[in-house]
Amino acid sequence: MRIDANRLDFKELNERIHKELKRGAKSITLSNVNGQRYIGCGLKGDVKITVEGVPGNDLAAFMDGPEITVAANAQDAVGNTMNSGKVVVHGSAGDVIGYAMRGGTIFIRGDVGYRVGIHMKSYEKNVPVIVVGGRAGDFFGEYMAGGMQILLGLGDNGKPVVGEWVGTGMHGGVIYIRGKVADWQLGKEVKAYPADEKDMKEITPYLKEFCKLFGLKLGVILSEKFTKLAPHSHRPYGKLYSY
């Protein structure tokens, strides 16, 4: 099933998507997408959506199960409060990716902006995962309460893999960064450790999937060691609000 998004308002486009899903469509390709917001918002079930073009903010927000593949870049708030499913972005993406994400996976081939993974959380077996192939801006993993983020920093443009204030306010979950991170880049709530054998065993399945999705070689990614960032307290601000 194909829907031409050219000249369609975001509301019209999303109404068309829901209409076709009600008719029984399981796979939809959206062509000529140009900034339309809320694509895949609140969708449930075994559905695949391919986006040809650049989707607007809140792609896959509150999504619970479907798979969305973006052939180009994506804007802000991909996977906002996402429950389950998968998002694959073959380009770069904007700020606040995975905001309050509660489950599922997001794979981004290129770079991301600021505050990626902010307020991510996990519950029982629901563990959200974000894998970024490029670089990230400031406040990566801010206020994380659960889940996992993997930042690979692929490509050589002379810039740091990640910005400043990494893990500020983080009190749960884990961040893995390929390469080293300087102490001055970290928020005071996290500590850096060399990723050990157990850590690598945990992240390798996601690295394999990343390589399969984007046609990369696992050996190249594993040629550099990873740094693990974890919170040193589950109540980083406890002394500020208790007596």
Protein backbone atom coordinates (compact mmCIF):
# COMPACT_ATOMS: atom_id res chain seq x y z
CA MET A 1 0.00 0.00 0.00
CA ARG A 2 1.40 3.43 -0.99
CA ILE A 3 0.23 6.88 0.08
CA ASP A 4 1.53 10.02 -1.66
CA ALA A 5 2.03 12.61 1.08
CA ASN A 6 2.68 15.45 -1.38
CA ARG A 7 0.62 18.51 -0.38
CA LEU A 8 -1.13 16.58 2.40
CA ASP A 9 -1.45 18.29 5.78
CA PHE A 10 -0.13 16.19 8.68
CA LYS A 11 -3.68 15.60 9.88
CA GLU A 12 -4.84 14.43 6.45
CA LEU A 13 -1.87 12.12 6.10
CA ASN A 14 -2.37 10.49 9.48
CA GLU A 15 -6.09 10.05 8.81
CA ARG A 16 -5.22 8.27 5.57
CA ILE A 17 -2.79 5.99 7.40
CA HIS A 18 -5.37 5.03 10.05
CA LYS A 19 -8.00 4.51 7.36
CA GLU A 20 -5.83 2.05 5.43
CA LEU A 21 -4.88 0.18 8.60
CA LYS A 22 -8.56 -0.24 9.46
CA ARG A 23 -9.02 -1.73 6.00
CA GLY A 24 -6.44 -4.37 6.90
CA ALA A 25 -3.21 -2.97 5.46
CA LYS A 26 -0.09 -4.36 7.16
CA SER A 27 2.54 -2.49 5.17
CA ILE A 28 2.38 1.14 4.03
CA THR A 29 4.90 3.23 2.12
CA LEU A 30 4.62 7.00 2.45
CA SER A 31 6.17 8.88 -0.47
CA ASN A 32 7.05 12.59 -0.68
CA VAL A 33 6.92 13.12 3.07
CA ASN A 34 8.03 16.65 3.93
CA GLY A 35 7.82 17.50 7.62
CA GLN A 36 4.40 16.04 8.44
CA ARG A 37 4.18 15.46 12.20
CA TYR A 38 2.92 12.55 14.32
CA ILE A 39 3.42 9.77 11.76
CA GLY A 40 2.83 6.48 13.55
CA CYS A 41 1.61 8.23 16.68
CA GLY A 42 -0.29 5.80 18.91
CA LEU A 43 -0.26 2.98 16.37
CA LYS A 44 -0.42 -0.59 17.66
CA GLY A 45 0.10 -4.08 16.30
CA ASP A 46 2.08 -5.79 13.55
CA VAL A 47 2.39 -2.94 11.06
CA LYS A 48 5.30 -1.74 8.91
CA ILE A 49 5.57 1.83 7.63
CA THR A 50 8.27 3.04 5.26
CA VAL A 51 8.81 6.79 5.07
CA GLU A 52 10.30 8.23 1.89
CA GLY A 53 11.27 11.78 2.77
CA VAL A 54 11.76 13.63 6.05
CA PRO A 55 9.07 13.12 8.73
CA GLY A 56 8.31 15.92 11.18
CA ASN A 57 8.35 15.93 14.96
CA ASP A 58 7.04 13.10 17.14
CA LEU A 59 7.48 10.26 14.69
CA ALA A 60 6.33 7.04 16.44
CA ALA A 61 5.16 8.89 19.54
CA PHE A 62 3.29 6.57 21.94
CA MET A 63 3.75 3.78 19.40
CA ASP A 64 3.15 0.24 20.65
CA GLY A 65 4.43 -2.47 18.33
CA PRO A 66 4.81 -1.27 14.71
CA GLU A 67 8.04 -0.87 12.77
CA ILE A 68 8.87 2.40 11.00
CA THR A 69 11.77 2.83 8.58
CA VAL A 70 12.85 6.29 7.43
CA ALA A 71 14.92 6.46 4.25
CA ALA A 72 16.27 9.94 5.03
CA ASN A 73 16.58 12.17 8.09
CA ALA A 74 14.05 12.68 10.88
CA GLN A 75 13.23 15.71 12.99
CA ASP A 76 12.80 16.05 16.77
CA ALA A 77 11.24 13.73 19.36
CA VAL A 78 11.36 10.45 17.46
CA GLY A 79 9.90 7.75 19.74
CA ASN A 80 8.41 10.19 22.25
CA THR A 81 6.99 7.98 25.08
CA MET A 82 7.18 4.95 22.79
CA ASN A 83 6.04 1.69 24.37
CA SER A 84 7.32 -0.95 21.95
CA GLY A 85 8.24 -1.47 18.31
CA LYS A 86 11.19 -0.37 16.20
CA VAL A 87 12.26 2.80 14.40
CA VAL A 88 15.08 2.80 11.86
CA VAL A 89 16.43 6.11 10.52
CA HIS A 90 18.92 5.89 7.68
CA GLY A 91 20.02 9.51 8.10
CA SER A 92 20.39 11.77 11.12
CA ALA A 93 17.77 12.91 13.64
CA GLY A 94 17.12 15.95 15.82
CA ASP A 95 16.74 16.66 19.52
CA VAL A 96 15.02 14.77 22.39
CA ILE A 97 15.00 11.42 20.58
CA GLY A 98 13.35 8.78 22.77
CA TYR A 99 11.91 11.25 25.25
CA ALA A 100 10.41 9.22 28.15
CA MET A 101 10.70 6.11 25.96
CA ARG A 102 9.44 3.02 27.78
CA GLY A 103 10.24 0.16 25.41
CA GLY A 104 11.25 -0.79 21.88
CA THR A 105 14.34 0.10 19.86
CA ILE A 106 15.49 3.09 17.83
CA PHE A 107 18.39 2.77 15.37
CA ILE A 108 19.81 5.95 13.83
CA ARG A 109 22.61 5.71 11.28
CA GLY A 110 23.82 9.31 11.52
CA ASP A 111 24.08 12.01 14.16
CA VAL A 112 21.57 13.19 16.75
CA GLY A 113 20.99 16.48 18.54
CA TYR A 114 20.58 17.45 22.17
CA ARG A 115 18.95 15.66 25.12
CA VAL A 116 18.66 12.26 23.45
CA GLY A 117 17.18 9.66 25.77
CA ILE A 118 16.00 12.20 28.32
CA HIS A 119 13.75 10.58 30.96
CA MET A 120 14.02 7.11 29.40
CA LYS A 121 12.74 4.43 31.75
CA SER A 122 12.29 0.67 31.90
CA TYR A 123 9.79 -1.58 33.63
CA GLU A 124 10.29 -5.29 34.27
CA LYS A 125 11.12 -6.82 30.85
CA ASN A 126 10.45 -3.60 28.94
CA VAL A 127 13.87 -2.07 28.29
CA PRO A 128 14.11 0.74 25.70
CA VAL A 129 17.25 0.88 23.58
CA ILE A 130 18.63 3.66 21.37
CA VAL A 131 21.62 3.03 19.08
CA VAL A 132 23.20 6.03 17.36
CA GLY A 133 25.82 5.54 14.67
CA GLY A 134 27.18 9.07 14.64
CA ARG A 135 27.65 11.75 17.26
CA ALA A 136 25.39 13.37 19.86
CA GLY A 137 25.00 16.84 21.31
CA ASP A 138 24.88 17.99 24.92
CA PHE A 139 22.87 16.35 27.73
CA PHE A 140 22.92 12.87 26.19
CA GLY A 141 21.04 10.59 28.61
CA GLU A 142 19.80 13.43 30.80
CA TYR A 143 17.64 12.22 33.71
CA MET A 144 17.69 8.63 32.42
CA ALA A 145 15.83 6.30 34.75
CA GLY A 146 16.28 3.08 32.78
CA GLY A 147 17.04 1.59 29.40
CA MET A 148 20.19 1.60 27.32
CA GLN A 149 21.86 4.01 24.92
CA ILE A 150 24.73 3.10 22.61
CA LEU A 151 26.68 5.85 20.86
CA LEU A 152 29.15 4.77 18.20
CA GLY A 153 30.66 7.99 16.85
CA LEU A 154 31.35 6.52 13.41
CA GLY A 155 33.01 8.78 10.87
CA ASP A 156 36.01 11.02 11.24
CA ASN A 157 35.23 14.74 11.28
CA GLY A 158 37.41 15.75 14.21
CA LYS A 159 34.52 16.44 16.54
CA PRO A 160 33.95 14.79 19.97
CA VAL A 161 31.70 11.73 19.97
CA VAL A 162 29.38 13.43 22.45
CA GLY A 163 28.87 16.90 23.86
CA GLU A 164 28.89 18.07 27.47
CA TRP A 165 26.79 17.23 30.54
CA VAL A 166 26.41 13.57 29.57
CA GLY A 167 24.11 11.75 31.99
CA THR A 168 23.18 14.83 34.02
CA GLY A 169 20.57 13.75 36.56
CA MET A 170 20.84 10.13 35.43
CA HIS A 171 19.63 7.68 38.09
CA GLY A 172 19.02 4.47 36.16
CA GLY A 173 19.90 2.67 32.95
CA VAL A 174 23.26 2.57 31.20
CA ILE A 175 25.12 4.39 28.42
CA TYR A 176 27.80 2.83 26.22
CA ILE A 177 30.06 5.08 24.16
CA ARG A 178 32.53 3.79 21.62
CA GLY A 179 35.86 5.32 22.53
CA LYS A 180 36.77 7.51 25.47
CA VAL A 181 34.85 10.28 27.19
CA ALA A 182 36.62 13.01 29.15
CA ASP A 183 35.59 13.66 32.74
CA TRP A 184 34.71 17.28 31.93
CA GLN A 185 32.03 16.05 29.51
CA LEU A 186 30.16 14.11 32.21
CA GLY A 187 27.38 15.19 34.51
CA LYS A 188 28.27 14.79 38.17
CA GLU A 189 25.71 11.98 38.58
CA VAL A 190 27.58 9.44 36.41
CA LYS A 191 30.89 7.61 36.46
CA ALA A 192 32.83 6.14 33.55
CA TYR A 193 34.17 2.58 33.45
CA PRO A 194 35.84 0.47 30.75
CA ALA A 195 33.19 -1.83 29.26
CA ASP A 196 34.00 -5.38 30.36
CA GLU A 197 33.22 -8.75 28.79
CA LYS A 198 29.74 -8.87 30.35
CA ASP A 199 28.94 -5.40 29.02
CA MET A 200 30.05 -6.31 25.50
CA LYS A 201 27.96 -9.46 25.59
CA GLU A 202 24.95 -7.31 26.46
CA ILE A 203 25.36 -4.78 23.67
CA THR A 204 26.67 -7.01 20.86
CA PRO A 205 23.20 -8.20 19.70
CA TYR A 206 22.20 -4.55 19.16
CA LEU A 207 25.48 -3.84 17.36
CA LYS A 208 24.87 -6.82 15.08
CA GLU A 209 21.38 -5.60 14.27
CA PHE A 210 22.71 -2.10 13.62
CA CYS A 211 25.28 -3.49 11.18
CA LYS A 212 22.65 -5.60 9.41
CA LEU A 213 20.29 -2.64 9.04
CA PHE A 214 22.89 -0.26 7.63
CA GLY A 215 25.27 -2.59 5.81
CA LEU A 216 28.24 -2.19 8.16
CA LYS A 217 30.82 -4.63 9.49
CA LEU A 218 30.76 -5.58 13.15
CA GLY A 219 34.54 -5.93 13.25
CA VAL A 220 34.97 -2.25 12.39
CA ILE A 221 32.73 -1.19 15.28
CA LEU A 222 34.43 -3.56 17.71
CA SER A 223 37.89 -2.35 16.68
CA GLU A 224 37.64 0.37 19.33
CA LYS A 225 36.90 -0.19 23.01
CA PHE A 226 33.73 1.04 24.67
CA THR A 227 33.22 3.18 27.75
CA LYS A 228 30.36 2.45 30.11
CA LEU A 229 28.57 5.27 31.91
CA ALA A 230 26.40 4.44 34.90
CA PRO A 231 24.82 6.49 37.69
CA HIS A 232 26.52 6.31 41.07
CA SER A 233 23.24 6.99 42.90
CA HIS A 234 19.57 6.11 42.39
CA ARG A 235 18.62 9.31 44.23
CA PRO A 236 21.03 11.97 42.92
CA TYR A 237 18.97 14.82 44.34
CA GLY A 238 17.78 13.12 47.50
CA LYS A 239 19.62 15.49 49.82
CA LEU A 240 18.03 18.48 48.14
CA TYR A 241 14.45 17.42 48.84
CA SER A 242 14.64 15.42 52.07
CA TYR A 243 15.56 16.21 55.64
